[in-house]
Amino acid sequence: MKLYRVEQGSGEWYRLRLGKPTSSNFHKIVTPAGAPSKQAIKYLYRLVAERLLHETMDDEIGFVKWVAGGKENEPYAVKQFEFVNEVTLEPGGFVTSNDGRIGASPDRIFKGHKESLEIKSPAPWTQLQYLLEGPDDAYIAQTQGHLLVGDEFDAVHFYTYNPRTPPFHKIILRDPHYQSILAAALDSFCDALDKTTERAKALGAYSVVRHVETPADVAYQSDEYVQLRLINPEDGDLGDAPPT
């Protein structure tokens, strides 16, 4: 695996994961039962769009809410986990397979890099269900994919935190059978992703819209069509300034 020490949610983190299948979305490729997911085609084209337009296609509203909720509780979850388990945790950053085709974002890594931590901040009723019945299969693809990408990890700790309830902690080890199915499906998906990207490129140039103050602020790129939207300082309207 390759470990990148970047802050999750930062520009560099987005750049590293752009157009790459990541473990939090592996369920869109393989279901918890190991069957092909019906969401695969839609997810493939989303990643193709990211590659061509150099822009994240995350659901902005849902993603922002998830990040805000998780970031608010994460420091408390980390401190609690370290205290109870007597361990030292390091920022997770971003991890890719050695070939760079797939990625994962562990929330924390145990010192020594042999284990990682996946933190969730569920609603109180979901947390109570975890505590009384255990988690459902929804996170199988993510956690097993997490271990597949991070092949140096021996285990991933699935830890859910809510400030009003006890925490839930489950240590997840490798499932060789499920991982073999997931690995084969990811290889096929990445091959299709590469081929579809090349086919889409052949259709023509892609527009990258940039909002600029003056034409001097624009840097033209030889490998893409750049559409300028020049800000009118008098009324704030955007006027098109076609490239020359």
C-alpha atoms as a PDB file:
ATOM      1  CA  MET A   1       0.000   0.000   0.000  1.00  0.00           C
ATOM      2  CA  LYS A   2       0.975   3.653  -0.334  1.00  0.00           C
ATOM      3  CA  LEU A   3       0.209   6.039   2.525  1.00  0.00           C
ATOM      4  CA  TYR A   4      -0.246   9.759   1.914  1.00  0.00           C
ATOM      5  CA  ARG A   5      -0.090  11.981   4.995  1.00  0.00           C
ATOM      6  CA  VAL A   6      -2.755  14.497   3.981  1.00  0.00           C
ATOM      7  CA  GLU A   7      -5.616  16.046   5.897  1.00  0.00           C
ATOM      8  CA  GLN A   8      -8.930  14.471   5.012  1.00  0.00           C
ATOM      9  CA  GLY A   9     -11.216  16.985   3.330  1.00  0.00           C
ATOM     10  CA  SER A  10      -8.277  19.095   2.123  1.00  0.00           C
ATOM     11  CA  GLY A  11      -7.601  20.008  -1.497  1.00  0.00           C
ATOM     12  CA  GLU A  12      -4.743  17.524  -1.672  1.00  0.00           C
ATOM     13  CA  TRP A  13      -6.966  14.745  -0.303  1.00  0.00           C
ATOM     14  CA  TYR A  14      -9.567  15.475  -2.981  1.00  0.00           C
ATOM     15  CA  ARG A  15      -6.873  15.503  -5.657  1.00  0.00           C
ATOM     16  CA  LEU A  16      -5.547  12.097  -4.602  1.00  0.00           C
ATOM     17  CA  ARG A  17      -8.950  10.413  -4.651  1.00  0.00           C
ATOM     18  CA  LEU A  18     -10.300  12.121  -7.778  1.00  0.00           C
ATOM     19  CA  GLY A  19     -11.570   9.596 -10.331  1.00  0.00           C
ATOM     20  CA  LYS A  20     -10.552   6.678  -8.114  1.00  0.00           C
ATOM     21  CA  PRO A  21     -12.834   3.980  -6.641  1.00  0.00           C
ATOM     22  CA  THR A  22     -12.631   4.333  -2.847  1.00  0.00           C
ATOM     23  CA  SER A  23     -13.621   1.875  -0.135  1.00  0.00           C
ATOM     24  CA  SER A  24     -16.576   3.916   1.122  1.00  0.00           C
ATOM     25  CA  ASN A  25     -18.138   3.357  -2.312  1.00  0.00           C
ATOM     26  CA  PHE A  26     -17.146  -0.270  -2.908  1.00  0.00           C
ATOM     27  CA  HIS A  27     -20.710  -1.300  -2.025  1.00  0.00           C
ATOM     28  CA  LYS A  28     -21.669   0.354  -5.316  1.00  0.00           C
ATOM     29  CA  ILE A  29     -19.547  -2.255  -7.093  1.00  0.00           C
ATOM     30  CA  VAL A  30     -20.090  -5.370  -4.941  1.00  0.00           C
ATOM     31  CA  THR A  31     -22.987  -5.974  -2.540  1.00  0.00           C
ATOM     32  CA  PRO A  32     -22.451  -7.323   1.012  1.00  0.00           C
ATOM     33  CA  ALA A  33     -23.523 -10.728  -0.340  1.00  0.00           C
ATOM     34  CA  GLY A  34     -20.776 -10.625  -2.984  1.00  0.00           C
ATOM     35  CA  ALA A  35     -23.046  -9.999  -5.973  1.00  0.00           C
ATOM     36  CA  PRO A  36     -22.527  -7.281  -8.609  1.00  0.00           C
ATOM     37  CA  SER A  37     -24.191  -4.034  -7.554  1.00  0.00           C
ATOM     38  CA  LYS A  38     -26.773  -2.353  -9.747  1.00  0.00           C
ATOM     39  CA  GLN A  39     -25.169   0.980  -8.827  1.00  0.00           C
ATOM     40  CA  ALA A  40     -21.886   0.144 -10.598  1.00  0.00           C
ATOM     41  CA  ILE A  41     -22.632   1.798 -13.951  1.00  0.00           C
ATOM     42  CA  LYS A  42     -23.757   5.074 -12.388  1.00  0.00           C
ATOM     43  CA  TYR A  43     -20.690   5.105 -10.133  1.00  0.00           C
ATOM     44  CA  LEU A  44     -18.393   4.356 -13.084  1.00  0.00           C
ATOM     45  CA  TYR A  45     -19.660   7.338 -15.066  1.00  0.00           C
ATOM     46  CA  ARG A  46     -19.369   9.578 -12.017  1.00  0.00           C
ATOM     47  CA  LEU A  47     -15.687   8.702 -11.809  1.00  0.00           C
ATOM     48  CA  VAL A  48     -15.246   9.203 -15.557  1.00  0.00           C
ATOM     49  CA  ALA A  49     -16.704  12.701 -15.150  1.00  0.00           C
ATOM     50  CA  GLU A  50     -14.278  13.420 -12.307  1.00  0.00           C
ATOM     51  CA  ARG A  51     -11.338  12.356 -14.452  1.00  0.00           C
ATOM     52  CA  LEU A  52     -12.377  14.444 -17.430  1.00  0.00           C
ATOM     53  CA  LEU A  53     -13.520  17.562 -15.597  1.00  0.00           C
ATOM     54  CA  HIS A  54     -10.939  17.448 -12.763  1.00  0.00           C
ATOM     55  CA  GLU A  55     -13.699  18.109 -10.247  1.00  0.00           C
ATOM     56  CA  THR A  56     -15.217  16.033  -7.441  1.00  0.00           C
ATOM     57  CA  MET A  57     -18.714  14.736  -8.138  1.00  0.00           C
ATOM     58  CA  ASP A  58     -19.580  14.026  -4.498  1.00  0.00           C
ATOM     59  CA  ASP A  59     -23.130  14.811  -3.454  1.00  0.00           C
ATOM     60  CA  GLU A  60     -22.263  18.219  -2.022  1.00  0.00           C
ATOM     61  CA  ILE A  61     -25.130  18.632   0.453  1.00  0.00           C
ATOM     62  CA  GLY A  62     -25.016  15.086   1.781  1.00  0.00           C
ATOM     63  CA  PHE A  63     -21.235  15.021   1.852  1.00  0.00           C
ATOM     64  CA  VAL A  64     -20.957  18.323   3.722  1.00  0.00           C
ATOM     65  CA  LYS A  65     -23.459  17.145   6.341  1.00  0.00           C
ATOM     66  CA  TRP A  66     -21.565  13.874   6.768  1.00  0.00           C
ATOM     67  CA  VAL A  67     -18.212  15.643   7.105  1.00  0.00           C
ATOM     68  CA  ALA A  68     -19.582  18.236   9.529  1.00  0.00           C
ATOM     69  CA  GLY A  69     -21.179  15.652  11.801  1.00  0.00           C
ATOM     70  CA  GLY A  70     -18.207  13.331  11.714  1.00  0.00           C
ATOM     71  CA  LYS A  71     -15.616  16.065  12.261  1.00  0.00           C
ATOM     72  CA  GLU A  72     -17.502  17.480  15.213  1.00  0.00           C
ATOM     73  CA  ASN A  73     -17.474  14.197  17.144  1.00  0.00           C
ATOM     74  CA  GLU A  74     -14.250  12.684  15.820  1.00  0.00           C
ATOM     75  CA  PRO A  75     -11.810  14.267  18.339  1.00  0.00           C
ATOM     76  CA  TYR A  76     -13.914  12.989  21.252  1.00  0.00           C
ATOM     77  CA  ALA A  77     -14.174   9.527  19.707  1.00  0.00           C
ATOM     78  CA  VAL A  78     -10.408   9.405  19.187  1.00  0.00           C
ATOM     79  CA  LYS A  79      -9.619  10.465  22.761  1.00  0.00           C
ATOM     80  CA  GLN A  80     -12.075   7.957  24.165  1.00  0.00           C
ATOM     81  CA  PHE A  81     -10.698   5.146  22.003  1.00  0.00           C
ATOM     82  CA  GLU A  82      -7.087   5.931  22.940  1.00  0.00           C
ATOM     83  CA  PHE A  83      -7.907   6.072  26.656  1.00  0.00           C
ATOM     84  CA  VAL A  84      -9.990   2.896  26.817  1.00  0.00           C
ATOM     85  CA  ASN A  85      -7.687   0.820  24.594  1.00  0.00           C
ATOM     86  CA  GLU A  86      -4.386   2.364  25.768  1.00  0.00           C
ATOM     87  CA  VAL A  87      -3.128   3.025  22.245  1.00  0.00           C
ATOM     88  CA  THR A  88      -1.719   5.968  20.306  1.00  0.00           C
ATOM     89  CA  LEU A  89      -3.417   6.926  17.081  1.00  0.00           C
ATOM     90  CA  GLU A  90      -2.090   8.910  14.130  1.00  0.00           C
ATOM     91  CA  PRO A  91      -4.015  10.753  11.379  1.00  0.00           C
ATOM     92  CA  GLY A  92      -5.144   8.385   8.650  1.00  0.00           C
ATOM     93  CA  GLY A  93      -4.682  10.475   5.518  1.00  0.00           C
ATOM     94  CA  PHE A  94      -5.240   8.587   2.279  1.00  0.00           C
ATOM     95  CA  VAL A  95      -4.122   5.106   1.272  1.00  0.00           C
ATOM     96  CA  THR A  96      -3.924   3.580  -2.197  1.00  0.00           C
ATOM     97  CA  SER A  97      -3.052   0.151  -3.503  1.00  0.00           C
ATOM     98  CA  ASN A  98       0.504  -0.123  -4.844  1.00  0.00           C
ATOM     99  CA  ASP A  99      -0.737   0.349  -8.406  1.00  0.00           C
ATOM    100  CA  GLY A 100      -2.725   3.442  -7.351  1.00  0.00           C
ATOM    101  CA  ARG A 101      -5.989   2.246  -8.884  1.00  0.00           C
ATOM    102  CA  ILE A 102      -8.100   2.088  -5.710  1.00  0.00           C
ATOM    103  CA  GLY A 103      -8.043   4.021  -2.439  1.00  0.00           C
ATOM    104  CA  ALA A 104      -9.297   4.301   1.127  1.00  0.00           C
ATOM    105  CA  SER A 105      -9.349   6.965   3.843  1.00  0.00           C
ATOM    106  CA  PRO A 106      -8.716   5.431   7.288  1.00  0.00           C
ATOM    107  CA  ASP A 107      -9.761   7.875   9.990  1.00  0.00           C
ATOM    108  CA  ARG A 108      -6.795   6.932  12.163  1.00  0.00           C
ATOM    109  CA  ILE A 109      -3.847   4.547  12.023  1.00  0.00           C
ATOM    110  CA  PHE A 110      -2.374   2.765  14.992  1.00  0.00           C
ATOM    111  CA  LYS A 111       1.222   3.705  15.609  1.00  0.00           C
ATOM    112  CA  GLY A 112       3.191   1.156  13.626  1.00  0.00           C
ATOM    113  CA  HIS A 113       0.599   1.062  10.807  1.00  0.00           C
ATOM    114  CA  LYS A 114      -0.557  -2.494  11.545  1.00  0.00           C
ATOM    115  CA  GLU A 115      -4.154  -1.589  12.352  1.00  0.00           C
ATOM    116  CA  SER A 116      -6.520   1.214  11.388  1.00  0.00           C
ATOM    117  CA  LEU A 117      -9.626   2.836  12.817  1.00  0.00           C
ATOM    118  CA  GLU A 118     -12.907   3.576  11.056  1.00  0.00           C
ATOM    119  CA  ILE A 119     -15.001   6.062  13.076  1.00  0.00           C
ATOM    120  CA  LYS A 120     -18.748   6.520  12.601  1.00  0.00           C
ATOM    121  CA  SER A 121     -21.049   8.984  14.383  1.00  0.00           C
ATOM    122  CA  PRO A 122     -24.513   7.476  13.922  1.00  0.00           C
ATOM    123  CA  ALA A 123     -27.860   8.732  15.145  1.00  0.00           C
ATOM    124  CA  PRO A 124     -28.809   7.584  18.661  1.00  0.00           C
ATOM    125  CA  TRP A 125     -31.282   4.945  17.412  1.00  0.00           C
ATOM    126  CA  THR A 126     -28.693   3.477  15.030  1.00  0.00           C
ATOM    127  CA  GLN A 127     -26.115   3.430  17.804  1.00  0.00           C
ATOM    128  CA  LEU A 128     -28.533   1.569  20.093  1.00  0.00           C
ATOM    129  CA  GLN A 129     -29.152  -0.986  17.352  1.00  0.00           C
ATOM    130  CA  TYR A 130     -25.392  -1.521  16.981  1.00  0.00           C
ATOM    131  CA  LEU A 131     -25.026  -1.975  20.743  1.00  0.00           C
ATOM    132  CA  LEU A 132     -27.936  -4.405  21.121  1.00  0.00           C
ATOM    133  CA  GLU A 133     -27.847  -6.310  17.836  1.00  0.00           C
ATOM    134  CA  GLY A 134     -24.507  -5.487  16.212  1.00  0.00           C
ATOM    135  CA  PRO A 135     -24.075  -3.701  12.881  1.00  0.00           C
ATOM    136  CA  ASP A 136     -25.797  -4.943   9.751  1.00  0.00           C
ATOM    137  CA  ASP A 137     -23.907  -5.903   6.598  1.00  0.00           C
ATOM    138  CA  ALA A 138     -23.880  -2.386   5.133  1.00  0.00           C
ATOM    139  CA  TYR A 139     -20.193  -1.793   5.900  1.00  0.00           C
ATOM    140  CA  ILE A 140     -18.808  -5.164   4.741  1.00  0.00           C
ATOM    141  CA  ALA A 141     -17.643  -3.849   1.360  1.00  0.00           C
ATOM    142  CA  GLN A 142     -16.120  -0.744   2.959  1.00  0.00           C
ATOM    143  CA  THR A 143     -14.250  -2.492   5.785  1.00  0.00           C
ATOM    144  CA  GLN A 144     -13.072  -5.453   3.704  1.00  0.00           C
ATOM    145  CA  GLY A 145     -12.133  -3.012   0.938  1.00  0.00           C
ATOM    146  CA  HIS A 146     -10.286  -0.948   3.522  1.00  0.00           C
ATOM    147  CA  LEU A 147      -8.177  -4.023   4.356  1.00  0.00           C
ATOM    148  CA  LEU A 148      -7.767  -4.895   0.693  1.00  0.00           C
ATOM    149  CA  VAL A 149      -6.381  -1.457  -0.195  1.00  0.00           C
ATOM    150  CA  GLY A 150      -4.337  -1.242   3.016  1.00  0.00           C
ATOM    151  CA  ASP A 151      -2.716  -4.647   2.630  1.00  0.00           C
ATOM    152  CA  GLU A 152      -0.298  -3.869   5.465  1.00  0.00           C
ATOM    153  CA  PHE A 153      -3.145  -3.567   7.970  1.00  0.00           C
ATOM    154  CA  ASP A 154      -3.856  -6.651  10.060  1.00  0.00           C
ATOM    155  CA  ALA A 155      -7.275  -5.386  11.153  1.00  0.00           C
ATOM    156  CA  VAL A 156      -9.642  -2.445  10.977  1.00  0.00           C
ATOM    157  CA  HIS A 157     -11.433  -1.303  14.126  1.00  0.00           C
ATOM    158  CA  PHE A 158     -15.037  -0.327  13.440  1.00  0.00           C
ATOM    159  CA  TYR A 159     -15.865   2.223  16.138  1.00  0.00           C
ATOM    160  CA  THR A 160     -19.121   4.109  16.464  1.00  0.00           C
ATOM    161  CA  TYR A 161     -19.448   7.053  18.808  1.00  0.00           C
ATOM    162  CA  ASN A 162     -22.392   9.022  20.112  1.00  0.00           C
ATOM    163  CA  PRO A 163     -21.860  11.344  23.099  1.00  0.00           C
ATOM    164  CA  ARG A 164     -25.135  10.214  24.700  1.00  0.00           C
ATOM    165  CA  THR A 165     -24.585   6.457  24.532  1.00  0.00           C
ATOM    166  CA  PRO A 166     -21.826   3.916  25.143  1.00  0.00           C
ATOM    167  CA  PRO A 167     -19.488   3.377  22.160  1.00  0.00           C
ATOM    168  CA  PHE A 168     -19.628   0.336  19.898  1.00  0.00           C
ATOM    169  CA  HIS A 169     -16.349  -1.365  18.973  1.00  0.00           C
ATOM    170  CA  LYS A 170     -15.819  -4.289  16.621  1.00  0.00           C
ATOM    171  CA  ILE A 171     -12.481  -5.592  15.320  1.00  0.00           C
ATOM    172  CA  ILE A 172     -12.767  -6.727  11.714  1.00  0.00           C
ATOM    173  CA  LEU A 173     -10.275  -9.174  10.242  1.00  0.00           C
ATOM    174  CA  ARG A 174      -9.816 -10.219   6.634  1.00  0.00           C
ATOM    175  CA  ASP A 175     -12.431 -12.388   4.988  1.00  0.00           C
ATOM    176  CA  PRO A 176     -10.384 -14.128   2.253  1.00  0.00           C
ATOM    177  CA  HIS A 177     -13.470 -15.388   0.392  1.00  0.00           C
ATOM    178  CA  TYR A 178     -15.182 -11.997   0.217  1.00  0.00           C
ATOM    179  CA  GLN A 179     -11.910 -10.211  -0.566  1.00  0.00           C
ATOM    180  CA  SER A 180     -11.229 -12.510  -3.528  1.00  0.00           C
ATOM    181  CA  ILE A 181     -14.647 -11.634  -4.959  1.00  0.00           C
ATOM    182  CA  LEU A 182     -14.144  -7.932  -4.253  1.00  0.00           C
ATOM    183  CA  ALA A 183     -10.617  -7.878  -5.737  1.00  0.00           C
ATOM    184  CA  ALA A 184     -11.782  -9.493  -8.988  1.00  0.00           C
ATOM    185  CA  ALA A 185     -14.740  -7.112  -9.264  1.00  0.00           C
ATOM    186  CA  LEU A 186     -12.526  -4.074  -8.616  1.00  0.00           C
ATOM    187  CA  ASP A 187     -10.027  -5.164 -11.269  1.00  0.00           C
ATOM    188  CA  SER A 188     -12.824  -5.490 -13.825  1.00  0.00           C
ATOM    189  CA  PHE A 189     -14.363  -2.189 -12.738  1.00  0.00           C
ATOM    190  CA  CYS A 190     -11.041  -0.323 -13.004  1.00  0.00           C
ATOM    191  CA  ASP A 191     -10.404  -1.800 -16.464  1.00  0.00           C
ATOM    192  CA  ALA A 192     -13.854  -0.643 -17.587  1.00  0.00           C
ATOM    193  CA  LEU A 193     -13.244   2.760 -15.988  1.00  0.00           C
ATOM    194  CA  ASP A 194     -10.003   3.240 -17.936  1.00  0.00           C
ATOM    195  CA  LYS A 195     -11.558   2.144 -21.239  1.00  0.00           C
ATOM    196  CA  THR A 196     -14.671   4.274 -20.781  1.00  0.00           C
ATOM    197  CA  THR A 197     -12.561   7.312 -19.927  1.00  0.00           C
ATOM    198  CA  GLU A 198     -10.586   6.914 -23.168  1.00  0.00           C
ATOM    199  CA  ARG A 199     -13.785   6.471 -25.179  1.00  0.00           C
ATOM    200  CA  ALA A 200     -15.251   9.618 -23.634  1.00  0.00           C
ATOM    201  CA  LYS A 201     -12.069  11.583 -24.341  1.00  0.00           C
ATOM    202  CA  ALA A 202     -12.396  10.692 -28.009  1.00  0.00           C
ATOM    203  CA  LEU A 203     -15.725  12.510 -28.181  1.00  0.00           C
ATOM    204  CA  GLY A 204     -13.990  15.879 -27.982  1.00  0.00           C
ATOM    205  CA  ALA A 205     -12.748  18.559 -25.609  1.00  0.00           C
ATOM    206  CA  TYR A 206     -14.173  19.198 -22.186  1.00  0.00           C
ATOM    207  CA  SER A 207     -14.928  22.600 -20.739  1.00  0.00           C
ATOM    208  CA  VAL A 208     -13.410  23.646 -17.438  1.00  0.00           C
ATOM    209  CA  VAL A 209     -15.185  26.773 -16.196  1.00  0.00           C
ATOM    210  CA  ARG A 210     -13.052  29.231 -14.242  1.00  0.00           C
ATOM    211  CA  HIS A 211     -14.295  32.415 -12.622  1.00  0.00           C
ATOM    212  CA  VAL A 212     -11.673  35.113 -13.025  1.00  0.00           C
ATOM    213  CA  GLU A 213     -11.295  38.796 -12.208  1.00  0.00           C
ATOM    214  CA  THR A 214      -9.271  39.784 -15.280  1.00  0.00           C
ATOM    215  CA  PRO A 215      -8.033  37.990 -18.396  1.00  0.00           C
ATOM    216  CA  ALA A 216      -4.543  38.174 -16.920  1.00  0.00           C
ATOM    217  CA  ASP A 217      -5.648  35.761 -14.183  1.00  0.00           C
ATOM    218  CA  VAL A 218      -6.220  32.993 -16.714  1.00  0.00           C
ATOM    219  CA  ALA A 219      -3.672  30.268 -17.332  1.00  0.00           C
ATOM    220  CA  TYR A 220      -4.387  28.445 -20.570  1.00  0.00           C
ATOM    221  CA  GLN A 221      -3.740  24.712 -20.708  1.00  0.00           C
ATOM    222  CA  SER A 222      -2.815  22.995 -23.940  1.00  0.00           C
ATOM    223  CA  ASP A 223      -4.613  19.724 -23.128  1.00  0.00           C
ATOM    224  CA  GLU A 224      -8.096  21.065 -22.424  1.00  0.00           C
ATOM    225  CA  TYR A 225     -10.636  23.618 -23.589  1.00  0.00           C
ATOM    226  CA  VAL A 226     -10.928  26.385 -21.006  1.00  0.00           C
ATOM    227  CA  GLN A 227     -14.089  28.489 -20.931  1.00  0.00           C
ATOM    228  CA  LEU A 228     -13.669  31.836 -19.183  1.00  0.00           C
ATOM    229  CA  ARG A 229     -16.400  33.501 -17.210  1.00  0.00           C
ATOM    230  CA  LEU A 230     -15.240  37.058 -16.634  1.00  0.00           C
ATOM    231  CA  ILE A 231     -16.747  38.838 -13.630  1.00  0.00           C
ATOM    232  CA  ASN A 232     -18.259  42.219 -14.436  1.00  0.00           C
ATOM    233  CA  PRO A 233     -17.139  44.472 -11.542  1.00  0.00           C
ATOM    234  CA  GLU A 234     -20.062  46.869 -12.051  1.00  0.00           C
ATOM    235  CA  ASP A 235     -23.033  44.544 -11.643  1.00  0.00           C
ATOM    236  CA  GLY A 236     -21.551  41.204 -10.693  1.00  0.00           C
ATOM    237  CA  ASP A 237     -22.984  39.476 -13.777  1.00  0.00           C
ATOM    238  CA  LEU A 238     -20.929  36.911 -15.567  1.00  0.00           C
ATOM    239  CA  GLY A 239     -20.060  37.516 -19.158  1.00  0.00           C
ATOM    240  CA  ASP A 240     -18.600  34.907 -21.465  1.00  0.00           C
ATOM    241  CA  ALA A 241     -15.114  35.595 -22.756  1.00  0.00           C
ATOM    242  CA  PRO A 242     -14.318  32.885 -25.314  1.00  0.00           C
ATOM    243  CA  PRO A 243     -10.709  31.696 -25.434  1.00  0.00           C
ATOM    244  CA  THR A 244      -8.508  32.809 -28.301  1.00  0.00           C
END
